[in-house]
Amino acid sequence: MSTLPVVGVALTSHHLPQHLDWVLADQRDLEIQDITDPDLLDDDWQARAYAIREMLQAHTGRRGIHGPFYGIDIGCKDRAIQAVVQQRLLQGLEFAQIVGASHMVVHSPFMVFGSPFSAIQPKTLASAIQIANHIMAPVVAKAAEIGCLLVIETIQDQHPQHLRSLITSFDSPWVRHSIDVGHVRITMTRGGASIPEWIRQNGDLLEHVHLQDNDGSYDAHLGLGQGDINFTSIFAALQGLTHRPRLILELNNHHDIPQSWHYLKNLGLVV
């Protein structure tokens, strides 16, 4: 049996049927992204969730969702908006529970941790962490109740220690770390830590990785090998972990999934 990791994929239910045989053949980790659509949040999202669950009856791999993120700032100071953020994330967890998900991606409060005007100020950081804990308290409680990891994803974050401080502040095994390698590639252009450095500093908390490619100029979510990200160095850093995070291809064009998988396979990095 191979000791290499099995790469998974992020898809909406619209594109899932085209890749389902590939997912099921090795029971790959799967991330459903339908509930990121704000229009669905105010439509019959329950019916969509039950349809996805039906579609995935034969799937026994780890399954998750990407939670709502448009306008969803867990560092927001406005109390009225905080209530909306809570409601949307709780709605995401209801969707997760129906589809049988065991992780939900939540975006980091990047306007705090990604900004050189605030991220380096201890008082600002402490205040932001306090606000995030207030907003997320019922969300973390619900996640623990249903057994769904909340993985907080790097967005414009430059400093691994800041996001680590946020994640550990919850003091919960249900809040863990997610790295989007493309986002980190962009922040590297303005002095942020490298992707392997993020893994080395926060790898004990790391449960989820979004795999995409770009050249550092914008968040392109290209097929792997179409940008300049060094995936060999990333997987070398991942090999130093004692556990296996979910490795999820998150590409703008779902037709790039087979090519991206073969790219990693040809490098001898995944199954």
Protein backbone atom coordinates (compact mmCIF):
# COMPACT_ATOMS: atom_id res chain seq x y z
CA MET A 1 0.00 0.00 0.00
CA SER A 2 1.31 3.45 -0.92
CA THR A 3 2.42 5.79 1.85
CA LEU A 4 1.73 8.79 -0.36
CA PRO A 5 -1.25 11.01 0.49
CA VAL A 6 -4.44 10.80 -1.54
CA VAL A 7 -5.36 14.18 -2.99
CA GLY A 8 -8.97 15.37 -2.70
CA VAL A 9 -11.02 18.01 -4.45
CA ALA A 10 -13.40 20.92 -3.91
CA LEU A 11 -16.50 20.98 -6.13
CA THR A 12 -20.01 22.28 -6.35
CA SER A 13 -22.79 19.75 -6.79
CA HIS A 14 -23.18 20.96 -10.39
CA HIS A 15 -19.71 19.65 -11.31
CA LEU A 16 -19.53 16.75 -8.87
CA PRO A 17 -21.13 14.14 -11.20
CA GLN A 18 -18.37 14.63 -13.78
CA HIS A 19 -15.69 13.70 -11.21
CA LEU A 20 -17.58 11.36 -8.91
CA ASP A 21 -16.14 8.12 -10.31
CA TRP A 22 -12.61 9.44 -9.74
CA VAL A 23 -13.49 10.52 -6.19
CA LEU A 24 -15.11 7.19 -5.32
CA ALA A 25 -12.37 5.03 -6.83
CA ASP A 26 -9.99 5.98 -4.01
CA GLN A 27 -12.58 7.44 -1.61
CA ARG A 28 -10.91 10.82 -1.90
CA ASP A 29 -11.48 13.68 0.51
CA LEU A 30 -14.19 15.94 -0.85
CA GLU A 31 -15.21 19.53 -0.18
CA ILE A 32 -18.66 20.72 -1.28
CA GLN A 33 -18.79 24.45 -2.04
CA ASP A 34 -22.44 25.12 -2.85
CA ILE A 35 -23.25 26.99 0.36
CA THR A 36 -20.70 29.72 -0.44
CA ASP A 37 -23.34 31.10 -2.84
CA PRO A 38 -25.21 33.89 -1.00
CA ASP A 39 -28.26 33.37 -3.21
CA LEU A 40 -28.53 29.74 -2.12
CA LEU A 41 -28.38 30.81 1.54
CA ASP A 42 -31.75 32.52 1.04
CA ASP A 43 -33.19 29.82 -1.19
CA ASP A 44 -34.01 26.13 -0.63
CA TRP A 45 -30.52 25.16 0.55
CA GLN A 46 -31.91 22.23 2.55
CA ALA A 47 -33.13 20.54 -0.63
CA ARG A 48 -29.69 21.02 -2.20
CA ALA A 49 -28.01 19.52 0.86
CA TYR A 50 -30.24 16.43 0.85
CA ALA A 51 -29.65 15.97 -2.90
CA ILE A 52 -25.89 16.07 -2.32
CA ARG A 53 -26.16 13.54 0.51
CA GLU A 54 -28.10 11.23 -1.81
CA MET A 55 -25.46 11.66 -4.52
CA LEU A 56 -22.70 10.71 -2.07
CA GLN A 57 -24.20 7.54 -0.61
CA ALA A 58 -21.20 5.51 -1.80
CA HIS A 59 -18.62 8.04 -0.56
CA THR A 60 -16.76 6.93 2.58
CA GLY A 61 -13.86 9.39 2.41
CA ARG A 62 -13.58 12.50 4.54
CA ARG A 63 -16.14 15.06 3.50
CA GLY A 64 -16.41 18.77 4.19
CA ILE A 65 -17.80 22.04 2.98
CA HIS A 66 -16.54 25.54 2.38
CA GLY A 67 -18.58 27.78 4.63
CA PRO A 68 -20.15 31.12 3.66
CA PHE A 69 -17.51 33.81 3.21
CA TYR A 70 -18.82 36.72 1.12
CA GLY A 71 -18.93 39.57 3.63
CA ILE A 72 -18.45 37.11 6.49
CA ASP A 73 -15.81 38.74 8.70
CA ILE A 74 -15.25 37.01 12.03
CA GLY A 75 -13.28 40.07 13.16
CA CYS A 76 -16.11 42.54 12.54
CA LYS A 77 -16.63 45.16 15.30
CA ASP A 78 -20.19 46.10 14.29
CA ARG A 79 -22.54 44.19 16.61
CA ALA A 80 -25.43 44.14 14.17
CA ILE A 81 -23.21 42.58 11.50
CA GLN A 82 -21.73 40.17 14.04
CA ALA A 83 -25.19 38.64 14.44
CA VAL A 84 -25.45 38.11 10.68
CA VAL A 85 -21.99 36.51 10.58
CA GLN A 86 -23.02 34.11 13.35
CA GLN A 87 -26.28 33.27 11.61
CA ARG A 88 -24.61 32.56 8.26
CA LEU A 89 -21.91 30.35 9.78
CA LEU A 90 -24.48 28.43 11.80
CA GLN A 91 -26.47 28.01 8.60
CA GLY A 92 -23.31 26.60 7.00
CA LEU A 93 -23.03 24.05 9.80
CA GLU A 94 -26.64 23.00 9.30
CA PHE A 95 -25.79 22.38 5.64
CA ALA A 96 -22.66 20.49 6.73
CA GLN A 97 -24.65 18.27 9.06
CA ILE A 98 -27.10 17.27 6.33
CA VAL A 99 -24.40 16.41 3.78
CA GLY A 100 -22.37 14.51 6.39
CA ALA A 101 -19.44 16.92 6.47
CA SER A 102 -16.71 16.78 9.08
CA HIS A 103 -14.98 20.06 8.22
CA MET A 104 -16.09 23.58 7.33
CA VAL A 105 -13.71 26.19 5.97
CA VAL A 106 -13.95 29.63 7.61
CA HIS A 107 -11.98 32.61 6.32
CA SER A 108 -9.46 34.30 8.57
CA PRO A 109 -10.34 37.91 9.57
CA PHE A 110 -7.77 39.04 7.02
CA MET A 111 -8.39 42.79 7.28
CA VAL A 112 -6.84 42.49 10.73
CA PHE A 113 -4.15 39.88 10.36
CA GLY A 114 -3.19 40.68 6.77
CA SER A 115 -2.77 44.41 7.22
CA PRO A 116 0.64 45.86 8.11
CA PHE A 117 -1.25 48.70 9.80
CA SER A 118 -2.79 46.46 12.44
CA ALA A 119 -1.33 42.97 12.47
CA ILE A 120 1.86 43.99 14.26
CA GLN A 121 0.11 45.89 17.04
CA PRO A 122 -0.39 43.66 20.10
CA LYS A 123 -3.42 45.61 21.36
CA THR A 124 -5.13 45.39 17.98
CA LEU A 125 -4.38 41.69 17.72
CA ALA A 126 -5.74 41.00 21.21
CA SER A 127 -8.90 42.98 20.48
CA ALA A 128 -9.45 41.16 17.19
CA ILE A 129 -9.04 37.78 18.88
CA GLN A 130 -11.54 38.79 21.55
CA ILE A 131 -14.08 39.84 18.91
CA ALA A 132 -13.58 36.63 16.92
CA ASN A 133 -14.09 34.54 20.04
CA HIS A 134 -17.33 36.38 20.78
CA ILE A 135 -18.66 35.92 17.24
CA MET A 136 -17.56 32.31 16.97
CA ALA A 137 -18.67 31.08 20.41
CA PRO A 138 -22.03 29.61 19.25
CA VAL A 139 -20.44 28.42 16.01
CA VAL A 140 -17.69 26.51 17.83
CA ALA A 141 -20.26 25.03 20.20
CA LYS A 142 -22.41 23.84 17.29
CA ALA A 143 -19.37 22.45 15.47
CA ALA A 144 -18.41 20.42 18.54
CA GLU A 145 -22.00 19.17 18.89
CA ILE A 146 -22.13 17.81 15.33
CA GLY A 147 -18.46 16.76 15.10
CA CYS A 148 -17.41 19.22 12.39
CA LEU A 149 -13.94 20.79 12.38
CA LEU A 150 -13.79 24.53 11.74
CA VAL A 151 -10.63 25.12 9.71
CA ILE A 152 -9.58 28.77 9.53
CA GLU A 153 -8.05 29.50 6.15
CA THR A 154 -5.19 31.84 5.30
CA ILE A 155 -6.47 34.74 3.19
CA GLN A 156 -4.23 37.83 3.28
CA ASP A 157 -2.37 36.57 6.36
CA GLN A 158 1.36 37.23 6.33
CA HIS A 159 2.37 36.03 9.77
CA PRO A 160 1.83 32.41 10.91
CA GLN A 161 2.07 33.34 14.58
CA HIS A 162 -0.93 35.70 14.39
CA LEU A 163 -3.28 33.11 12.95
CA ARG A 164 -1.87 30.57 15.39
CA SER A 165 -2.75 32.94 18.24
CA LEU A 166 -6.31 33.17 16.97
CA ILE A 167 -6.78 29.41 16.51
CA THR A 168 -5.32 28.46 19.88
CA SER A 169 -7.36 31.18 21.63
CA PHE A 170 -10.51 29.08 21.15
CA ASP A 171 -8.96 26.30 23.24
CA SER A 172 -11.02 23.81 21.26
CA PRO A 173 -10.06 20.69 19.29
CA TRP A 174 -12.79 21.72 16.85
CA VAL A 175 -10.94 24.82 15.62
CA ARG A 176 -7.92 24.12 13.47
CA HIS A 177 -5.80 25.58 10.68
CA SER A 178 -6.17 25.68 6.88
CA ILE A 179 -3.55 26.88 4.41
CA ASP A 180 -4.44 28.03 0.91
CA VAL A 181 -1.11 27.74 -0.89
CA GLY A 182 -2.13 30.25 -3.55
CA HIS A 183 -3.07 32.89 -0.99
CA VAL A 184 0.27 32.42 0.77
CA ARG A 185 2.10 32.69 -2.58
CA ILE A 186 0.55 36.15 -3.01
CA THR A 187 1.41 37.36 0.49
CA MET A 188 4.99 36.16 -0.06
CA THR A 189 5.34 38.95 -2.63
CA ARG A 190 4.97 41.51 0.17
CA GLY A 191 7.25 39.85 2.66
CA GLY A 192 5.02 37.14 4.10
CA ALA A 193 6.23 33.73 5.24
CA SER A 194 6.71 30.98 2.66
CA ILE A 195 4.31 28.06 2.36
CA PRO A 196 6.77 25.55 3.92
CA GLU A 197 7.35 28.02 6.76
CA TRP A 198 3.60 28.17 7.43
CA ILE A 199 3.57 24.37 7.61
CA ARG A 200 6.61 24.25 9.90
CA GLN A 201 5.19 26.86 12.29
CA ASN A 202 1.56 25.74 12.40
CA GLY A 203 1.72 22.15 11.19
CA ASP A 204 0.55 20.70 14.50
CA LEU A 205 -2.71 22.62 14.00
CA LEU A 206 -2.97 22.01 10.25
CA GLU A 207 -5.95 19.89 9.17
CA HIS A 208 -6.70 21.25 5.70
CA VAL A 209 -4.84 22.55 2.63
CA HIS A 210 -6.26 24.18 -0.49
CA LEU A 211 -4.06 23.36 -3.50
CA GLN A 212 -4.08 25.81 -6.40
CA ASP A 213 -1.46 27.60 -8.49
CA ASN A 214 -0.62 31.19 -9.42
CA ASP A 215 2.42 33.41 -10.03
CA GLY A 216 1.89 35.65 -7.00
CA SER A 217 0.12 38.40 -8.92
CA TYR A 218 -3.50 37.44 -8.15
CA ASP A 219 -5.67 34.67 -6.70
CA ALA A 220 -6.00 32.74 -9.95
CA HIS A 221 -6.78 29.21 -8.67
CA LEU A 222 -5.02 27.78 -11.72
CA GLY A 223 -4.41 24.15 -12.39
CA LEU A 224 -1.24 22.89 -10.71
CA GLY A 225 1.87 23.52 -12.81
CA GLN A 226 0.30 26.53 -14.53
CA GLY A 227 1.86 28.97 -12.05
CA ASP A 228 5.18 28.98 -10.21
CA ILE A 229 4.33 27.42 -6.83
CA ASN A 230 6.89 24.80 -5.75
CA PHE A 231 4.71 21.84 -4.77
CA THR A 232 7.69 19.56 -4.14
CA SER A 233 8.81 21.81 -1.27
CA ILE A 234 5.24 21.95 0.09
CA PHE A 235 4.86 18.18 0.16
CA ALA A 236 8.33 17.81 1.68
CA ALA A 237 7.17 20.04 4.55
CA LEU A 238 3.92 18.08 4.87
CA GLN A 239 5.91 14.84 5.21
CA GLY A 240 7.25 16.18 8.50
CA LEU A 241 3.78 16.03 10.06
CA THR A 242 2.61 13.08 12.12
CA HIS A 243 -0.93 13.35 10.76
CA ARG A 244 -2.48 13.82 7.31
CA PRO A 245 -4.37 17.02 6.62
CA ARG A 246 -7.03 17.02 3.93
CA LEU A 247 -5.33 18.03 0.66
CA ILE A 248 -7.98 19.63 -1.52
CA LEU A 249 -7.61 20.78 -5.14
CA GLU A 250 -9.50 24.09 -5.31
CA LEU A 251 -9.44 25.24 -8.92
CA ASN A 252 -11.44 27.85 -10.80
CA ASN A 253 -11.86 25.51 -13.78
CA HIS A 254 -12.98 22.03 -12.77
CA HIS A 255 -11.66 20.74 -16.12
CA ASP A 256 -8.15 21.32 -14.68
CA ILE A 257 -8.68 18.66 -12.00
CA PRO A 258 -7.35 15.64 -13.98
CA GLN A 259 -4.30 17.56 -15.19
CA SER A 260 -3.53 18.82 -11.68
CA TRP A 261 -3.80 15.34 -10.21
CA HIS A 262 -1.49 13.93 -12.88
CA TYR A 263 0.94 16.80 -12.26
CA LEU A 264 1.28 15.81 -8.59
CA LYS A 265 1.37 12.09 -9.46
CA ASN A 266 4.16 12.61 -11.99
CA LEU A 267 6.17 14.39 -9.30
CA GLY A 268 5.67 11.33 -7.08
CA LEU A 269 3.81 13.33 -4.44
CA VAL A 270 0.30 11.81 -4.27
CA VAL A 271 -1.87 8.86 -5.12
